[in-house]
């Protein structure tokens, strides 16, 4: 592991290190125990996951996952795999010079921190598994697509809702980063419990979200599935999920909670995939109480 070390690694602001010849950018804000945050995707910009209310209690270290934003790109897109993301996460943990850290992973970022906790249990002070799952594969995606169809059926008078289903199926002959960003903006309403009822709140985030194609071209050797390894996770763990999350919903959260010994489970009853935006007070309280 070739990571550089500089003074002020936890000073507020934007930082850049080198990991095996690739630029890794991260952002520091807040005060308190160190919590490294890994956003979802793969290939989505970190900024949607900014959590100012948690910064009042924790030193939040937001990663720009490799392949996104100002972080570097991998030479071979097939290398955007969970073991790669875990390796870059470990480079940041070592750079911060913390014996153990809290990890918060959202969606695909939750896959990353599960992989990291299994590979580096001695470096994890606690896991916050936020709208994620211990398994993907055909059944996972079939259930997600069924959730998209139910969403369309609930909003028969909204052409934008029907367009969500269309956008999930479209792939141009030559996709690029702009196409990824546009697709994200088109599908985003289904990720909320009530996007249309609170559109004025969520529209700025929808308009700003950005994505990158490269990370979506990663080639995992097998579908993600750590269900039989969850029992070996010894770090304190919090599983937090939105009741209306169509993609990483309550079924998958229950698997995590049942599989990780002693884990806590919090259900956000008025949230979809973005509880930190939909129910920020409840979301923050759950994490602050967990951290203690």
Protein backbone atom coordinates (compact mmCIF):
# COMPACT_ATOMS: atom_id res chain seq x y z
CA UNK A 1 0.00 0.00 0.00
CA UNK A 2 1.63 3.23 -1.10
CA UNK A 3 -0.17 6.12 0.62
CA UNK A 4 1.42 9.47 1.41
CA UNK A 5 1.09 11.07 4.84
CA UNK A 6 0.90 14.80 5.52
CA UNK A 7 0.29 16.94 8.58
CA UNK A 8 -3.25 18.06 9.27
CA UNK A 9 -4.91 14.98 7.82
CA UNK A 10 -8.02 15.75 9.91
CA UNK A 11 -8.02 19.51 9.40
CA UNK A 12 -11.33 20.76 8.02
CA UNK A 13 -11.33 21.10 4.25
CA UNK A 14 -10.42 19.10 1.17
CA UNK A 15 -7.44 16.75 1.19
CA UNK A 16 -5.65 14.71 -1.43
CA UNK A 17 -3.41 11.68 -1.04
CA UNK A 18 -1.83 9.19 -3.40
CA UNK A 19 -2.74 5.51 -3.14
CA UNK A 20 -0.80 3.21 -5.44
CA UNK A 21 -0.32 6.04 -7.93
CA UNK A 22 -3.99 7.10 -7.97
CA UNK A 23 -5.31 10.33 -6.46
CA UNK A 24 -7.73 9.90 -3.54
CA UNK A 25 -9.64 12.99 -2.43
CA UNK A 26 -11.54 13.32 0.84
CA UNK A 27 -13.27 16.11 2.75
CA UNK A 28 -13.21 16.73 6.51
CA UNK A 29 -15.89 18.59 8.46
CA UNK A 30 -17.08 18.58 12.05
CA UNK A 31 -15.70 17.60 15.42
CA UNK A 32 -15.75 14.48 17.56
CA UNK A 33 -14.98 10.81 16.87
CA UNK A 34 -13.79 10.13 13.33
CA UNK A 35 -16.37 8.70 10.95
CA UNK A 36 -15.39 7.86 7.37
CA UNK A 37 -18.29 8.06 4.92
CA UNK A 38 -18.48 6.06 1.69
CA UNK A 39 -21.18 7.10 -0.76
CA UNK A 40 -23.23 4.86 -3.05
CA UNK A 41 -23.40 4.08 -6.70
CA UNK A 42 -20.96 2.89 -7.72
CA UNK A 43 -19.95 6.08 -9.47
CA UNK A 44 -22.05 8.75 -7.70
CA UNK A 45 -20.62 12.00 -6.41
CA UNK A 46 -20.16 12.19 -2.65
CA UNK A 47 -21.90 15.53 -2.10
CA UNK A 48 -25.44 14.12 -1.91
CA UNK A 49 -24.39 12.40 1.32
CA UNK A 50 -23.17 15.52 3.13
CA UNK A 51 -24.60 15.41 6.68
CA UNK A 52 -24.23 18.78 8.44
CA UNK A 53 -26.24 17.69 11.48
CA UNK A 54 -23.84 14.81 12.14
CA UNK A 55 -20.88 17.17 11.80
CA UNK A 56 -22.01 18.70 15.09
CA UNK A 57 -21.17 15.40 16.79
CA UNK A 58 -18.58 13.62 14.65
CA UNK A 59 -15.54 14.41 12.55
CA UNK A 60 -16.96 13.40 9.19
CA UNK A 61 -14.49 12.27 6.55
CA UNK A 62 -16.30 12.12 3.22
CA UNK A 63 -14.52 10.10 0.54
CA UNK A 64 -14.73 10.90 -3.14
CA UNK A 65 -14.66 7.27 -4.25
CA UNK A 66 -12.01 6.47 -6.81
CA UNK A 67 -13.37 7.08 -10.29
CA UNK A 68 -15.61 9.96 -9.19
CA UNK A 69 -15.22 13.70 -8.74
CA UNK A 70 -11.69 14.94 -8.21
CA UNK A 71 -10.33 11.50 -7.31
CA UNK A 72 -8.32 9.65 -9.93
CA UNK A 73 -9.55 7.18 -12.51
CA UNK A 74 -8.39 3.59 -12.76
CA UNK A 75 -6.57 2.60 -15.95
CA UNK A 76 -8.84 -0.41 -16.45
CA UNK A 77 -12.55 0.17 -15.59
CA UNK A 78 -12.95 -3.53 -14.88
CA UNK A 79 -10.92 -2.93 -11.71
CA UNK A 80 -13.71 -0.94 -10.04
CA UNK A 81 -14.52 -3.79 -7.67
CA UNK A 82 -15.33 -4.00 -3.98
CA UNK A 83 -11.83 -5.18 -3.14
CA UNK A 84 -10.48 -2.06 -4.90
CA UNK A 85 -12.78 0.29 -2.99
CA UNK A 86 -11.85 -1.48 0.25
CA UNK A 87 -8.16 -1.04 -0.56
CA UNK A 88 -8.59 2.69 -1.14
CA UNK A 89 -10.61 3.00 2.05
CA UNK A 90 -7.81 1.29 3.94
CA UNK A 91 -5.34 3.76 2.47
CA UNK A 92 -7.37 6.62 3.94
CA UNK A 93 -7.70 4.90 7.33
CA UNK A 94 -3.93 4.49 7.48
CA UNK A 95 -3.33 8.05 6.33
CA UNK A 96 -5.56 9.45 9.06
CA UNK A 97 -3.40 7.61 11.62
CA UNK A 98 -6.39 6.52 13.68
CA UNK A 99 -6.24 3.21 15.52
CA UNK A 100 -9.92 2.58 14.78
CA UNK A 101 -12.62 4.56 13.00
CA UNK A 102 -16.36 4.57 12.57
CA UNK A 103 -17.48 3.71 9.07
CA UNK A 104 -20.73 4.86 7.45
CA UNK A 105 -21.63 3.28 4.13
CA UNK A 106 -24.71 4.16 2.10
CA UNK A 107 -26.14 1.74 -0.46
CA UNK A 108 -23.17 0.43 -2.50
CA UNK A 109 -20.95 2.15 0.05
CA UNK A 110 -22.45 -0.23 2.59
CA UNK A 111 -21.14 -3.15 0.53
CA UNK A 112 -17.70 -1.54 0.70
CA UNK A 113 -17.65 -1.11 4.47
CA UNK A 114 -18.94 -4.64 5.04
CA UNK A 115 -16.08 -5.94 2.92
CA UNK A 116 -13.64 -3.70 4.81
CA UNK A 117 -14.92 -4.75 8.24
CA UNK A 118 -14.47 -8.40 7.31
CA UNK A 119 -10.96 -7.80 5.99
CA UNK A 120 -9.76 -5.33 8.67
CA UNK A 121 -11.79 -5.93 11.85
CA UNK A 122 -9.10 -4.42 14.06
CA UNK A 123 -9.48 -0.99 12.42
CA UNK A 124 -13.25 -0.62 12.83
CA UNK A 125 -14.74 1.11 15.88
CA UNK A 126 -18.28 0.75 14.57
CA UNK A 127 -20.34 0.21 11.43
CA UNK A 128 -23.28 2.31 10.27
CA UNK A 129 -24.96 0.33 7.50
CA UNK A 130 -27.32 2.79 5.86
CA UNK A 131 -29.87 1.55 3.31
CA UNK A 132 -27.73 -1.33 2.13
CA UNK A 133 -27.73 -5.12 1.86
CA UNK A 134 -25.49 -8.13 2.53
CA UNK A 135 -26.29 -9.59 -0.88
CA UNK A 136 -27.03 -8.62 -4.48
CA UNK A 137 -27.56 -10.83 -7.49
CA UNK A 138 -30.58 -11.69 -9.63
CA UNK A 139 -33.12 -11.82 -6.80
CA UNK A 140 -32.02 -8.47 -5.40
CA UNK A 141 -32.36 -6.71 -8.75
CA UNK A 142 -35.66 -8.40 -9.60
CA UNK A 143 -37.13 -7.13 -6.35
CA UNK A 144 -35.79 -3.63 -7.03
CA UNK A 145 -37.32 -3.52 -10.49
CA UNK A 146 -40.62 -4.72 -9.07
CA UNK A 147 -40.40 -1.76 -6.69
CA UNK A 148 -39.95 0.57 -9.64
CA UNK A 149 -43.08 -0.82 -11.28
CA UNK A 150 -45.09 -0.39 -8.08
CA UNK A 151 -43.92 3.21 -7.95
CA UNK A 152 -45.17 3.85 -11.49
CA UNK A 153 -48.52 2.30 -10.62
CA UNK A 154 -48.87 4.55 -7.56
CA UNK A 155 -48.43 7.67 -9.73
CA UNK A 156 -50.52 7.04 -12.85
CA UNK A 157 -51.05 10.76 -13.50
CA UNK A 158 -47.36 11.69 -13.48
CA UNK A 159 -45.44 11.22 -16.73
CA UNK A 160 -42.23 11.73 -14.76
CA UNK A 161 -43.00 8.59 -12.77
CA UNK A 162 -43.40 6.52 -15.92
CA UNK A 163 -40.13 7.95 -17.19
CA UNK A 164 -38.34 6.48 -14.16
CA UNK A 165 -39.08 2.97 -15.43
CA UNK A 166 -38.03 3.94 -18.96
CA UNK A 167 -34.75 5.42 -17.73
CA UNK A 168 -33.84 2.26 -15.83
CA UNK A 169 -34.05 0.27 -19.06
CA UNK A 170 -32.29 2.66 -21.45
CA UNK A 171 -28.64 2.26 -22.38
CA UNK A 172 -27.26 4.18 -25.35
CA UNK A 173 -24.78 2.66 -27.77
CA UNK A 174 -22.01 4.92 -26.44
CA UNK A 175 -22.78 5.89 -22.83
CA UNK A 176 -20.69 8.57 -21.12
CA UNK A 177 -20.54 10.49 -17.85
CA UNK A 178 -23.18 12.99 -18.97
CA UNK A 179 -25.58 10.16 -19.73
CA UNK A 180 -24.98 8.68 -16.26
CA UNK A 181 -25.72 12.03 -14.59
CA UNK A 182 -28.86 12.57 -16.65
CA UNK A 183 -30.10 9.06 -15.90
CA UNK A 184 -29.56 9.60 -12.18
CA UNK A 185 -31.61 12.78 -12.31
CA UNK A 186 -34.41 10.99 -14.16
CA UNK A 187 -34.66 8.04 -11.77
CA UNK A 188 -34.08 9.87 -8.50
CA UNK A 189 -37.76 10.41 -7.53
CA UNK A 190 -38.30 6.69 -6.93
CA UNK A 191 -35.60 6.77 -4.25
CA UNK A 192 -37.70 9.05 -2.01
CA UNK A 193 -40.77 8.13 0.01
CA UNK A 194 -42.62 11.20 -1.30
CA UNK A 195 -40.59 13.11 -3.87
CA UNK A 196 -43.56 14.87 -5.47
CA UNK A 197 -45.02 15.99 -2.16
CA UNK A 198 -41.71 17.59 -1.16
CA UNK A 199 -40.31 18.42 -4.57
CA UNK A 200 -39.23 21.93 -3.58
CA UNK A 201 -36.92 20.42 -0.93
CA UNK A 202 -35.44 17.68 -3.06
CA UNK A 203 -35.26 19.26 -6.52
CA UNK A 204 -31.91 21.04 -5.87
CA UNK A 205 -30.28 17.76 -4.90
CA UNK A 206 -31.79 16.06 -7.94
CA UNK A 207 -30.50 18.76 -10.26
CA UNK A 208 -27.00 18.66 -8.74
CA UNK A 209 -26.38 14.91 -8.57
CA UNK A 210 -23.57 13.68 -10.81
CA UNK A 211 -22.31 10.28 -11.83
CA UNK A 212 -19.39 8.70 -13.67
CA UNK A 213 -19.49 5.81 -16.10
CA UNK A 214 -16.17 4.15 -15.26
CA UNK A 215 -17.15 2.70 -11.86
CA UNK A 216 -20.27 1.16 -13.40
CA UNK A 217 -18.05 -0.95 -15.67
CA UNK A 218 -16.39 -2.83 -12.81
CA UNK A 219 -16.38 -6.61 -13.07
CA UNK A 220 -16.95 -8.36 -9.76
CA UNK A 221 -15.85 -12.02 -9.86
CA UNK A 222 -19.15 -13.05 -8.22
CA UNK A 223 -22.30 -11.25 -7.02
CA UNK A 224 -21.84 -9.64 -3.61
CA UNK A 225 -22.93 -12.02 -0.85
CA UNK A 226 -21.51 -11.94 2.68
CA UNK A 227 -24.52 -13.38 4.49
CA UNK A 228 -22.55 -16.35 5.79
CA UNK A 229 -19.80 -14.05 7.12
CA UNK A 230 -21.92 -11.53 9.02
CA UNK A 231 -21.66 -13.53 12.22
CA UNK A 232 -17.93 -12.82 12.37
CA UNK A 233 -18.43 -9.03 12.52
CA UNK A 234 -17.62 -8.02 16.08
CA UNK A 235 -17.70 -4.23 15.75
CA UNK A 236 -20.79 -2.46 17.15
CA UNK A 237 -23.16 -2.08 14.21
CA UNK A 238 -26.18 0.06 13.42
CA UNK A 239 -28.50 -0.91 10.57
CA UNK A 240 -30.63 2.05 9.48
CA UNK A 241 -33.20 1.83 6.69
CA UNK A 242 -36.07 3.75 5.15
CA UNK A 243 -39.37 1.87 5.20
CA UNK A 244 -40.12 2.96 1.62
CA UNK A 245 -36.69 2.22 0.14
CA UNK A 246 -37.40 0.28 -3.07
CA UNK A 247 -33.84 -0.95 -3.64
CA UNK A 248 -32.16 -1.56 -0.27
CA UNK A 249 -35.26 -1.86 1.84
CA UNK A 250 -36.40 -3.59 4.98
CA UNK A 251 -35.90 -7.18 3.78
CA UNK A 252 -32.18 -6.60 3.30
CA UNK A 253 -31.84 -4.54 6.47
CA UNK A 254 -33.41 -7.36 8.47
CA UNK A 255 -30.85 -9.79 6.99
CA UNK A 256 -28.07 -7.52 8.20
CA UNK A 257 -29.59 -7.05 11.65
CA UNK A 258 -30.25 -10.75 12.12
CA UNK A 259 -26.81 -11.70 10.83
CA UNK A 260 -24.60 -9.29 12.79
CA UNK A 261 -24.44 -10.21 16.49
CA UNK A 262 -25.72 -7.48 18.78
CA UNK A 263 -26.52 -5.03 16.00
CA UNK A 264 -29.07 -2.25 16.40
CA UNK A 265 -31.84 -1.68 13.88
CA UNK A 266 -33.58 1.63 13.16
CA UNK A 267 -36.53 1.96 10.78
CA UNK A 268 -37.26 5.42 9.36
CA UNK A 269 -40.98 5.17 8.65
CA UNK A 270 -41.26 8.23 6.39
CA UNK A 271 -38.11 7.71 4.32
CA UNK A 272 -37.00 5.99 1.17
CA UNK A 273 -33.32 5.69 0.25
CA UNK A 274 -32.29 9.10 1.61
CA UNK A 275 -33.25 9.21 5.27
CA UNK A 276 -30.57 11.81 6.02
CA UNK A 277 -32.59 14.18 3.81
CA UNK A 278 -36.11 12.89 4.43
CA UNK A 279 -35.93 12.51 8.22
CA UNK A 280 -32.71 14.29 9.23
CA UNK A 281 -33.55 14.67 12.92
CA UNK A 282 -34.45 11.01 13.39
CA UNK A 283 -31.49 9.91 11.29
CA UNK A 284 -29.04 12.03 13.28
CA UNK A 285 -30.49 11.01 16.64
CA UNK A 286 -30.18 7.32 15.79
CA UNK A 287 -26.49 7.66 14.94
CA UNK A 288 -25.62 9.93 17.87
CA UNK A 289 -27.29 7.50 20.29
CA UNK A 290 -25.44 4.61 18.66
CA UNK A 291 -22.06 6.32 18.93
CA UNK A 292 -22.84 7.26 22.54
